[in-house]
PDB file of N, CA and C in Angstrom:
ATOM      1  N   MET A   1      12.683  -7.011 -17.781  1.00  0.00           N
ATOM      2  CA  MET A   1      12.435  -6.107 -16.679  1.00  0.00           C
ATOM      3  C   MET A   1      13.521  -6.323 -15.633  1.00  0.00           C
ATOM      4  N   ASP A   2      13.995  -5.230 -15.062  1.00  0.00           N
ATOM      5  CA  ASP A   2      15.066  -5.353 -14.075  1.00  0.00           C
ATOM      6  C   ASP A   2      14.530  -5.160 -12.656  1.00  0.00           C
ATOM      7  N   LYS A   3      15.316  -5.604 -11.704  1.00  0.00           N
ATOM      8  CA  LYS A   3      14.947  -5.588 -10.292  1.00  0.00           C
ATOM      9  C   LYS A   3      14.587  -4.179  -9.817  1.00  0.00           C
ATOM     10  N   LYS A   4      15.401  -3.208 -10.165  1.00  0.00           N
ATOM     11  CA  LYS A   4      15.178  -1.833  -9.713  1.00  0.00           C
ATOM     12  C   LYS A   4      13.829  -1.303 -10.186  1.00  0.00           C
ATOM     13  N   THR A   5      13.480  -1.561 -11.434  1.00  0.00           N
ATOM     14  CA  THR A   5      12.209  -1.093 -11.991  1.00  0.00           C
ATOM     15  C   THR A   5      11.029  -1.740 -11.279  1.00  0.00           C
ATOM     16  N   VAL A   6      11.110  -3.039 -11.035  1.00  0.00           N
ATOM     17  CA  VAL A   6      10.032  -3.745 -10.335  1.00  0.00           C
ATOM     18  C   VAL A   6       9.837  -3.139  -8.950  1.00  0.00           C
ATOM     19  N   ILE A   7      10.912  -2.985  -8.223  1.00  0.00           N
ATOM     20  CA  ILE A   7      10.830  -2.459  -6.857  1.00  0.00           C
ATOM     21  C   ILE A   7      10.269  -1.046  -6.851  1.00  0.00           C
ATOM     22  N   GLN A   8      10.795  -0.174  -7.701  1.00  0.00           N
ATOM     23  CA  GLN A   8      10.318   1.211  -7.741  1.00  0.00           C
ATOM     24  C   GLN A   8       8.847   1.288  -8.122  1.00  0.00           C
ATOM     25  N   THR A   9       8.446   0.511  -9.104  1.00  0.00           N
ATOM     26  CA  THR A   9       7.060   0.553  -9.571  1.00  0.00           C
ATOM     27  C   THR A   9       6.098   0.089  -8.490  1.00  0.00           C
ATOM     28  N   LEU A  10       6.394  -1.036  -7.866  1.00  0.00           N
ATOM     29  CA  LEU A  10       5.475  -1.555  -6.858  1.00  0.00           C
ATOM     30  C   LEU A  10       5.470  -0.696  -5.597  1.00  0.00           C
ATOM     31  N   ARG A  11       6.607  -0.136  -5.218  1.00  0.00           N
ATOM     32  CA  ARG A  11       6.618   0.776  -4.067  1.00  0.00           C
ATOM     33  C   ARG A  11       5.800   2.034  -4.358  1.00  0.00           C
ATOM     34  N   ALA A  12       5.826   2.491  -5.596  1.00  0.00           N
ATOM     35  CA  ALA A  12       5.039   3.674  -5.972  1.00  0.00           C
ATOM     36  C   ALA A  12       3.541   3.415  -5.855  1.00  0.00           C
ATOM     37  N   HIS A  13       3.142   2.154  -5.916  1.00  0.00           N
ATOM     38  CA  HIS A  13       1.727   1.772  -5.841  1.00  0.00           C
ATOM     39  C   HIS A  13       1.402   1.034  -4.539  1.00  0.00           C
ATOM     40  N   GLU A  14       2.264   1.194  -3.539  1.00  0.00           N
ATOM     41  CA  GLU A  14       2.075   0.481  -2.275  1.00  0.00           C
ATOM     42  C   GLU A  14       0.719   0.777  -1.641  1.00  0.00           C
ATOM     43  N   ALA A  15       0.323   2.032  -1.569  1.00  0.00           N
ATOM     44  CA  ALA A  15      -0.951   2.385  -0.924  1.00  0.00           C
ATOM     45  C   ALA A  15      -2.125   1.705  -1.621  1.00  0.00           C
ATOM     46  N   GLU A  16      -2.103   1.703  -2.929  1.00  0.00           N
ATOM     47  CA  GLU A  16      -3.170   1.057  -3.712  1.00  0.00           C
ATOM     48  C   GLU A  16      -3.209  -0.446  -3.448  1.00  0.00           C
ATOM     49  N   LEU A  17      -2.042  -1.083  -3.443  1.00  0.00           N
ATOM     50  CA  LEU A  17      -1.985  -2.527  -3.217  1.00  0.00           C
ATOM     51  C   LEU A  17      -2.407  -2.880  -1.791  1.00  0.00           C
ATOM     52  N   ARG A  18      -2.015  -2.053  -0.839  1.00  0.00           N
ATOM     53  CA  ARG A  18      -2.440  -2.286   0.547  1.00  0.00           C
ATOM     54  C   ARG A  18      -3.957  -2.154   0.669  1.00  0.00           C
ATOM     55  N   ALA A  19      -4.535  -1.201  -0.053  1.00  0.00           N
ATOM     56  CA  ALA A  19      -5.993  -1.023  -0.032  1.00  0.00           C
ATOM     57  C   ALA A  19      -6.711  -2.254  -0.584  1.00  0.00           C
ATOM     58  N   GLU A  20      -6.016  -3.018  -1.433  1.00  0.00           N
ATOM     59  CA  GLU A  20      -6.591  -4.242  -1.991  1.00  0.00           C
ATOM     60  C   GLU A  20      -6.334  -5.455  -1.093  1.00  0.00           C
ATOM     61  N   GLY A  21      -5.692  -5.240   0.064  1.00  0.00           N
ATOM     62  CA  GLY A  21      -5.480  -6.318   1.022  1.00  0.00           C
ATOM     63  C   GLY A  21      -4.079  -6.890   1.059  1.00  0.00           C
ATOM     64  N   VAL A  22      -3.186  -6.405   0.206  1.00  0.00           N
ATOM     65  CA  VAL A  22      -1.810  -6.907   0.167  1.00  0.00           C
ATOM     66  C   VAL A  22      -1.018  -6.212   1.274  1.00  0.00           C
ATOM     67  N   SER A  23      -0.401  -6.990   2.162  1.00  0.00           N
ATOM     68  CA  SER A  23       0.353  -6.386   3.263  1.00  0.00           C
ATOM     69  C   SER A  23       1.859  -6.354   3.020  1.00  0.00           C
ATOM     70  N   HIS A  24       2.387  -7.321   2.295  1.00  0.00           N
ATOM     71  CA  HIS A  24       3.816  -7.377   1.971  1.00  0.00           C
ATOM     72  C   HIS A  24       3.976  -8.001   0.590  1.00  0.00           C
ATOM     73  N   VAL A  25       4.977  -7.533  -0.154  1.00  0.00           N
ATOM     74  CA  VAL A  25       5.285  -8.103  -1.470  1.00  0.00           C
ATOM     75  C   VAL A  25       6.774  -8.413  -1.517  1.00  0.00           C
ATOM     76  N   PHE A  26       7.107  -9.562  -2.102  1.00  0.00           N
ATOM     77  CA  PHE A  26       8.492 -10.014  -2.217  1.00  0.00           C
ATOM     78  C   PHE A  26       8.781 -10.408  -3.661  1.00  0.00           C
ATOM     79  N   LEU A  27       9.954 -10.049  -4.125  1.00  0.00           N
ATOM     80  CA  LEU A  27      10.436 -10.409  -5.457  1.00  0.00           C
ATOM     81  C   LEU A  27      11.417 -11.563  -5.309  1.00  0.00           C
ATOM     82  N   PHE A  28      11.295 -12.568  -6.166  1.00  0.00           N
ATOM     83  CA  PHE A  28      12.246 -13.679  -6.165  1.00  0.00           C
ATOM     84  C   PHE A  28      12.455 -14.133  -7.603  1.00  0.00           C
ATOM     85  N   GLY A  29      13.268 -15.138  -7.796  1.00  0.00           N
ATOM     86  CA  GLY A  29      13.486 -15.681  -9.133  1.00  0.00           C
ATOM     87  C   GLY A  29      14.546 -14.927  -9.914  1.00  0.00           C
ATOM     88  N   SER A  30      14.507 -15.096 -11.225  1.00  0.00           N
ATOM     89  CA  SER A  30      15.573 -14.570 -12.081  1.00  0.00           C
ATOM     90  C   SER A  30      15.695 -13.055 -12.017  1.00  0.00           C
ATOM     91  N   VAL A  31      14.591 -12.340 -11.881  1.00  0.00           N
ATOM     92  CA  VAL A  31      14.670 -10.876 -11.791  1.00  0.00           C
ATOM     93  C   VAL A  31      15.375 -10.479 -10.495  1.00  0.00           C
ATOM     94  N   ALA A  32      15.034 -11.107  -9.393  1.00  0.00           N
ATOM     95  CA  ALA A  32      15.674 -10.807  -8.107  1.00  0.00           C
ATOM     96  C   ALA A  32      17.166 -11.114  -8.137  1.00  0.00           C
ATOM     97  N   ARG A  33      17.533 -12.167  -8.850  1.00  0.00           N
ATOM     98  CA  ARG A  33      18.948 -12.563  -8.932  1.00  0.00           C
ATOM     99  C   ARG A  33      19.725 -11.778  -9.979  1.00  0.00           C
ATOM    100  N   GLY A  34      19.047 -10.947 -10.760  1.00  0.00           N
ATOM    101  CA  GLY A  34      19.708 -10.197 -11.827  1.00  0.00           C
ATOM    102  C   GLY A  34      20.040 -11.056 -13.027  1.00  0.00           C
ATOM    103  N   GLU A  35      19.306 -12.153 -13.220  1.00  0.00           N
ATOM    104  CA  GLU A  35      19.566 -13.091 -14.310  1.00  0.00           C
ATOM    105  C   GLU A  35      18.461 -13.104 -15.357  1.00  0.00           C
ATOM    106  N   ALA A  36      17.540 -12.165 -15.281  1.00  0.00           N
ATOM    107  CA  ALA A  36      16.386 -12.165 -16.187  1.00  0.00           C
ATOM    108  C   ALA A  36      16.797 -11.796 -17.605  1.00  0.00           C
ATOM    109  N   ASP A  37      16.080 -12.381 -18.563  1.00  0.00           N
ATOM    110  CA  ASP A  37      16.234 -11.989 -19.957  1.00  0.00           C
ATOM    111  C   ASP A  37      14.857 -11.595 -20.483  1.00  0.00           C
ATOM    112  N   GLU A  38      14.754 -11.340 -21.769  1.00  0.00           N
ATOM    113  CA  GLU A  38      13.483 -10.874 -22.337  1.00  0.00           C
ATOM    114  C   GLU A  38      12.369 -11.919 -22.246  1.00  0.00           C
ATOM    115  N   GLN A  39      12.703 -13.168 -22.025  1.00  0.00           N
ATOM    116  CA  GLN A  39      11.708 -14.235 -21.892  1.00  0.00           C
ATOM    117  C   GLN A  39      11.219 -14.416 -20.451  1.00  0.00           C
ATOM    118  N   SER A  40      11.898 -13.802 -19.506  1.00  0.00           N
ATOM    119  CA  SER A  40      11.608 -14.023 -18.087  1.00  0.00           C
ATOM    120  C   SER A  40      10.322 -13.340 -17.649  1.00  0.00           C
ATOM    121  N   ASP A  41       9.637 -13.997 -16.722  1.00  0.00           N
ATOM    122  CA  ASP A  41       8.509 -13.344 -16.074  1.00  0.00           C
ATOM    123  C   ASP A  41       8.992 -12.798 -14.733  1.00  0.00           C
ATOM    124  N   VAL A  42       8.145 -12.034 -14.077  1.00  0.00           N
ATOM    125  CA  VAL A  42       8.461 -11.467 -12.771  1.00  0.00           C
ATOM    126  C   VAL A  42       7.795 -12.355 -11.725  1.00  0.00           C
ATOM    127  N   ASP A  43       8.590 -12.911 -10.825  1.00  0.00           N
ATOM    128  CA  ASP A  43       8.084 -13.806  -9.785  1.00  0.00           C
ATOM    129  C   ASP A  43       7.896 -13.025  -8.485  1.00  0.00           C
ATOM    130  N   LEU A  44       6.678 -13.054  -7.976  1.00  0.00           N
ATOM    131  CA  LEU A  44       6.342 -12.351  -6.739  1.00  0.00           C
ATOM    132  C   LEU A  44       5.576 -13.287  -5.815  1.00  0.00           C
ATOM    133  N   PHE A  45       5.778 -13.115  -4.515  1.00  0.00           N
ATOM    134  CA  PHE A  45       4.829 -13.687  -3.564  1.00  0.00           C
ATOM    135  C   PHE A  45       4.465 -12.584  -2.588  1.00  0.00           C
ATOM    136  N   TYR A  46       3.300 -12.736  -1.987  1.00  0.00           N
ATOM    137  CA  TYR A  46       2.800 -11.668  -1.127  1.00  0.00           C
ATOM    138  C   TYR A  46       2.006 -12.234   0.042  1.00  0.00           C
ATOM    139  N   ASP A  47       1.911 -11.400   1.068  1.00  0.00           N
ATOM    140  CA  ASP A  47       1.071 -11.688   2.222  1.00  0.00           C
ATOM    141  C   ASP A  47      -0.166 -10.808   2.106  1.00  0.00           C
ATOM    142  N   TYR A  48      -1.233 -11.222   2.754  1.00  0.00           N
ATOM    143  CA  TYR A  48      -2.457 -10.430   2.735  1.00  0.00           C
ATOM    144  C   TYR A  48      -3.031 -10.376   4.145  1.00  0.00           C
ATOM    145  N   ASP A  49      -3.816  -9.333   4.409  1.00  0.00           N
ATOM    146  CA  ASP A  49      -4.346  -9.087   5.749  1.00  0.00           C
ATOM    147  C   ASP A  49      -5.649  -9.802   6.040  1.00  0.00           C
ATOM    148  N   ASP A  50      -6.530  -9.811   5.091  1.00  0.00           N
ATOM    149  CA  ASP A  50      -7.902 -10.249   5.318  1.00  0.00           C
ATOM    150  C   ASP A  50      -8.015 -11.770   5.258  1.00  0.00           C
ATOM    151  N   PRO A  51      -8.479 -12.417   6.328  1.00  0.00           N
ATOM    152  CA  PRO A  51      -8.628 -13.877   6.285  1.00  0.00           C
ATOM    153  C   PRO A  51      -9.680 -14.335   5.277  1.00  0.00           C
ATOM    154  N   ARG A  52     -10.487 -13.419   4.784  1.00  0.00           N
ATOM    155  CA  ARG A  52     -11.504 -13.767   3.785  1.00  0.00           C
ATOM    156  C   ARG A  52     -10.978 -13.593   2.361  1.00  0.00           C
ATOM    157  N   PHE A  53      -9.676 -13.336   2.208  1.00  0.00           N
ATOM    158  CA  PHE A  53      -9.056 -13.174   0.895  1.00  0.00           C
ATOM    159  C   PHE A  53      -9.363 -14.424   0.073  1.00  0.00           C
ATOM    160  N   SER A  54      -9.974 -14.248  -1.085  1.00  0.00           N
ATOM    161  CA  SER A  54     -10.491 -15.375  -1.863  1.00  0.00           C
ATOM    162  C   SER A  54      -9.707 -15.594  -3.153  1.00  0.00           C
ATOM    163  N   LEU A  55     -10.069 -16.635  -3.865  1.00  0.00           N
ATOM    164  CA  LEU A  55      -9.467 -16.904  -5.170  1.00  0.00           C
ATOM    165  C   LEU A  55      -9.700 -15.737  -6.123  1.00  0.00           C
ATOM    166  N   ILE A  56     -10.846 -15.123  -6.041  1.00  0.00           N
ATOM    167  CA  ILE A  56     -11.131 -13.944  -6.875  1.00  0.00           C
ATOM    168  C   ILE A  56     -10.146 -12.830  -6.549  1.00  0.00           C
ATOM    169  N   ASP A  57      -9.838 -12.640  -5.268  1.00  0.00           N
ATOM    170  CA  ASP A  57      -8.858 -11.629  -4.864  1.00  0.00           C
ATOM    171  C   ASP A  57      -7.470 -11.969  -5.399  1.00  0.00           C
ATOM    172  N   VAL A  58      -7.099 -13.238  -5.355  1.00  0.00           N
ATOM    173  CA  VAL A  58      -5.796 -13.680  -5.866  1.00  0.00           C
ATOM    174  C   VAL A  58      -5.668 -13.338  -7.346  1.00  0.00           C
ATOM    175  N   VAL A  59      -6.691 -13.624  -8.120  1.00  0.00           N
ATOM    176  CA  VAL A  59      -6.677 -13.330  -9.561  1.00  0.00           C
ATOM    177  C   VAL A  59      -6.613 -11.824  -9.789  1.00  0.00           C
ATOM    178  N   ARG A  60      -7.381 -11.071  -9.020  1.00  0.00           N
ATOM    179  CA  ARG A  60      -7.397  -9.611  -9.157  1.00  0.00           C
ATOM    180  C   ARG A  60      -6.011  -9.024  -8.871  1.00  0.00           C
ATOM    181  N   VAL A  61      -5.363  -9.488  -7.809  1.00  0.00           N
ATOM    182  CA  VAL A  61      -4.032  -8.990  -7.458  1.00  0.00           C
ATOM    183  C   VAL A  61      -3.015  -9.383  -8.531  1.00  0.00           C
ATOM    184  N   GLN A  62      -3.079 -10.616  -9.008  1.00  0.00           N
ATOM    185  CA  GLN A  62      -2.187 -11.071 -10.089  1.00  0.00           C
ATOM    186  C   GLN A  62      -2.316 -10.152 -11.304  1.00  0.00           C
ATOM    187  N   ASP A  63      -3.548  -9.877 -11.702  1.00  0.00           N
ATOM    188  CA  ASP A  63      -3.785  -9.006 -12.856  1.00  0.00           C
ATOM    189  C   ASP A  63      -3.275  -7.595 -12.604  1.00  0.00           C
ATOM    190  N   ARG A  64      -3.433  -7.107 -11.380  1.00  0.00           N
ATOM    191  CA  ARG A  64      -2.972  -5.747 -11.068  1.00  0.00           C
ATOM    192  C   ARG A  64      -1.453  -5.668 -11.114  1.00  0.00           C
ATOM    193  N   PHE A  65      -0.757  -6.665 -10.590  1.00  0.00           N
ATOM    194  CA  PHE A  65       0.707  -6.687 -10.687  1.00  0.00           C
ATOM    195  C   PHE A  65       1.137  -6.637 -12.153  1.00  0.00           C
ATOM    196  N   ALA A  66       0.527  -7.462 -12.989  1.00  0.00           N
ATOM    197  CA  ALA A  66       0.884  -7.509 -14.412  1.00  0.00           C
ATOM    198  C   ALA A  66       0.615  -6.169 -15.085  1.00  0.00           C
ATOM    199  N   GLU A  67      -0.498  -5.553 -14.739  1.00  0.00           N
ATOM    200  CA  GLU A  67      -0.838  -4.250 -15.319  1.00  0.00           C
ATOM    201  C   GLU A  67       0.166  -3.181 -14.888  1.00  0.00           C
ATOM    202  N   LEU A  68       0.498  -3.142 -13.613  1.00  0.00           N
ATOM    203  CA  LEU A  68       1.435  -2.135 -13.113  1.00  0.00           C
ATOM    204  C   LEU A  68       2.820  -2.293 -13.721  1.00  0.00           C
ATOM    205  N   LEU A  69       3.253  -3.539 -13.901  1.00  0.00           N
ATOM    206  CA  LEU A  69       4.608  -3.801 -14.392  1.00  0.00           C
ATOM    207  C   LEU A  69       4.678  -3.921 -15.908  1.00  0.00           C
ATOM    208  N   SER A  70       3.528  -3.996 -16.566  1.00  0.00           N
ATOM    209  CA  SER A  70       3.499  -4.213 -18.025  1.00  0.00           C
ATOM    210  C   SER A  70       4.399  -5.386 -18.395  1.00  0.00           C
ATOM    211  N   ALA A  71       4.235  -6.467 -17.655  1.00  0.00           N
ATOM    212  CA  ALA A  71       5.081  -7.651 -17.848  1.00  0.00           C
ATOM    213  C   ALA A  71       4.291  -8.894 -17.459  1.00  0.00           C
ATOM    214  N   ARG A  72       4.810 -10.047 -17.877  1.00  0.00           N
ATOM    215  CA  ARG A  72       4.243 -11.311 -17.417  1.00  0.00           C
ATOM    216  C   ARG A  72       4.652 -11.494 -15.958  1.00  0.00           C
ATOM    217  N   VAL A  73       3.690 -11.788 -15.126  1.00  0.00           N
ATOM    218  CA  VAL A  73       3.935 -11.912 -13.693  1.00  0.00           C
ATOM    219  C   VAL A  73       3.415 -13.259 -13.209  1.00  0.00           C
ATOM    220  N   ASP A  74       4.222 -13.919 -12.391  1.00  0.00           N
ATOM    221  CA  ASP A  74       3.794 -15.125 -11.690  1.00  0.00           C
ATOM    222  C   ASP A  74       3.742 -14.743 -10.213  1.00  0.00           C
ATOM    223  N   ALA A  75       2.544 -14.437  -9.728  1.00  0.00           N
ATOM    224  CA  ALA A  75       2.373 -13.993  -8.345  1.00  0.00           C
ATOM    225  C   ALA A  75       1.588 -15.034  -7.571  1.00  0.00           C
ATOM    226  N   MET A  76       1.971 -15.215  -6.330  1.00  0.00           N
ATOM    227  CA  MET A  76       1.290 -16.186  -5.476  1.00  0.00           C
ATOM    228  C   MET A  76       1.316 -15.685  -4.047  1.00  0.00           C
ATOM    229  N   THR A  77       0.396 -16.176  -3.260  1.00  0.00           N
ATOM    230  CA  THR A  77       0.444 -15.869  -1.836  1.00  0.00           C
ATOM    231  C   THR A  77       1.580 -16.674  -1.211  1.00  0.00           C
ATOM    232  N   ARG A  78       2.095 -16.175  -0.099  1.00  0.00           N
ATOM    233  CA  ARG A  78       3.178 -16.897   0.575  1.00  0.00           C
ATOM    234  C   ARG A  78       2.733 -18.327   0.909  1.00  0.00           C
ATOM    235  N   GLY A  79       1.506 -18.472   1.351  1.00  0.00           N
ATOM    236  CA  GLY A  79       0.999 -19.786   1.721  1.00  0.00           C
ATOM    237  C   GLY A  79       0.872 -20.756   0.561  1.00  0.00           C
ATOM    238  N   SER A  80       0.820 -20.242  -0.662  1.00  0.00           N
ATOM    239  CA  SER A  80       0.680 -21.136  -1.813  1.00  0.00           C
ATOM    240  C   SER A  80       2.017 -21.536  -2.431  1.00  0.00           C
ATOM    241  N   VAL A  81       3.124 -20.992  -1.910  1.00  0.00           N
ATOM    242  CA  VAL A  81       4.446 -21.418  -2.381  1.00  0.00           C
ATOM    243  C   VAL A  81       4.647 -22.859  -1.912  1.00  0.00           C
ATOM    244  N   HIS A  82       4.934 -23.753  -2.830  1.00  0.00           N
ATOM    245  CA  HIS A  82       5.068 -25.179  -2.497  1.00  0.00           C
ATOM    246  C   HIS A  82       6.131 -25.374  -1.419  1.00  0.00           C
ATOM    247  N   TRP A  83       5.825 -26.218  -0.466  1.00  0.00           N
ATOM    248  CA  TRP A  83       6.720 -26.431   0.670  1.00  0.00           C
ATOM    249  C   TRP A  83       8.107 -26.898   0.253  1.00  0.00           C
ATOM    250  N   ARG A  84       8.214 -27.597  -0.865  1.00  0.00           N
ATOM    251  CA  ARG A  84       9.524 -28.105  -1.299  1.00  0.00           C
ATOM    252  C   ARG A  84      10.468 -26.994  -1.742  1.00  0.00           C
ATOM    253  N   ILE A  85       9.922 -25.876  -2.186  1.00  0.00           N
ATOM    254  CA  ILE A  85      10.782 -24.778  -2.646  1.00  0.00           C
ATOM    255  C   ILE A  85      10.676 -23.542  -1.754  1.00  0.00           C
ATOM    256  N   ARG A  86       9.822 -23.583  -0.754  1.00  0.00           N
ATOM    257  CA  ARG A  86       9.574 -22.392   0.072  1.00  0.00           C
ATOM    258  C   ARG A  86      10.849 -21.842   0.702  1.00  0.00           C
ATOM    259  N   ARG A  87      11.669 -22.683   1.277  1.00  0.00           N
ATOM    260  CA  ARG A  87      12.888 -22.201   1.940  1.00  0.00           C
ATOM    261  C   ARG A  87      13.794 -21.477   0.942  1.00  0.00           C
ATOM    262  N   GLU A  88      13.983 -22.055  -0.231  1.00  0.00           N
ATOM    263  CA  GLU A  88      14.825 -21.438  -1.266  1.00  0.00           C
ATOM    264  C   GLU A  88      14.229 -20.111  -1.732  1.00  0.00           C
ATOM    265  N   VAL A  89      12.930 -20.098  -1.971  1.00  0.00           N
ATOM    266  CA  VAL A  89      12.253 -18.884  -2.439  1.00  0.00           C
ATOM    267  C   VAL A  89      12.377 -17.776  -1.397  1.00  0.00           C
ATOM    268  N   GLU A  90      12.101 -18.086  -0.141  1.00  0.00           N
ATOM    269  CA  GLU A  90      12.176 -17.074   0.908  1.00  0.00           C
ATOM    270  C   GLU A  90      13.609 -16.597   1.133  1.00  0.00           C
ATOM    271  N   ALA A  91      14.593 -17.477   0.945  1.00  0.00           N
ATOM    272  CA  ALA A  91      15.991 -17.097   1.147  1.00  0.00           C
ATOM    273  C   ALA A  91      16.469 -16.080   0.115  1.00  0.00           C
ATOM    274  N   GLU A  92      15.978 -16.186  -1.112  1.00  0.00           N
ATOM    275  CA  GLU A  92      16.439 -15.254  -2.149  1.00  0.00           C
ATOM    276  C   GLU A  92      15.515 -14.054  -2.323  1.00  0.00           C
ATOM    277  N   ALA A  93      14.383 -14.062  -1.631  1.00  0.00           N
ATOM    278  CA  ALA A  93      13.369 -13.020  -1.819  1.00  0.00           C
ATOM    279  C   ALA A  93      13.860 -11.655  -1.347  1.00  0.00           C
ATOM    280  N   ILE A  94      13.441 -10.645  -2.082  1.00  0.00           N
ATOM    281  CA  ILE A  94      13.710  -9.250  -1.744  1.00  0.00           C
ATOM    282  C   ILE A  94      12.374  -8.625  -1.368  1.00  0.00           C
ATOM    283  N   GLN A  95      12.286  -8.112  -0.149  1.00  0.00           N
ATOM    284  CA  GLN A  95      11.032  -7.490   0.275  1.00  0.00           C
ATOM    285  C   GLN A  95      10.891  -6.123  -0.382  1.00  0.00           C
ATOM    286  N   ILE A  96       9.777  -5.925  -1.065  1.00  0.00           N
ATOM    287  CA  ILE A  96       9.493  -4.652  -1.731  1.00  0.00           C
ATOM    288  C   ILE A  96       8.802  -3.710  -0.755  1.00  0.00           C
ATOM    289  N   PHE A  97       7.828  -4.201  -0.051  1.00  0.00           N
ATOM    290  CA  PHE A  97       7.226  -3.477   1.083  1.00  0.00           C
ATOM    291  C   PHE A  97       6.567  -4.483   1.998  1.00  0.00           C
TER     292      PHE A  97
END
């Protein structure tokens, strides 16, 4: 999967994702860098609006990203990005919306 396809697909579903509580989505990793191959997954992190956003919501959003992209997706909330890699991840991230 290429960067352009990921961005276009998720932007096309922005209203739906926002309705599920997602406020911002960012692409990072090999797809963002243009280094992805057929084995690569799509790495995303996102922000959410509702302070009651639960583990069930996290799983639901992860599954929805995978369904929309028809690809393996590793999605996490911004707060769950490990502090040791957060600066690097945020530096290379591309904001989708």
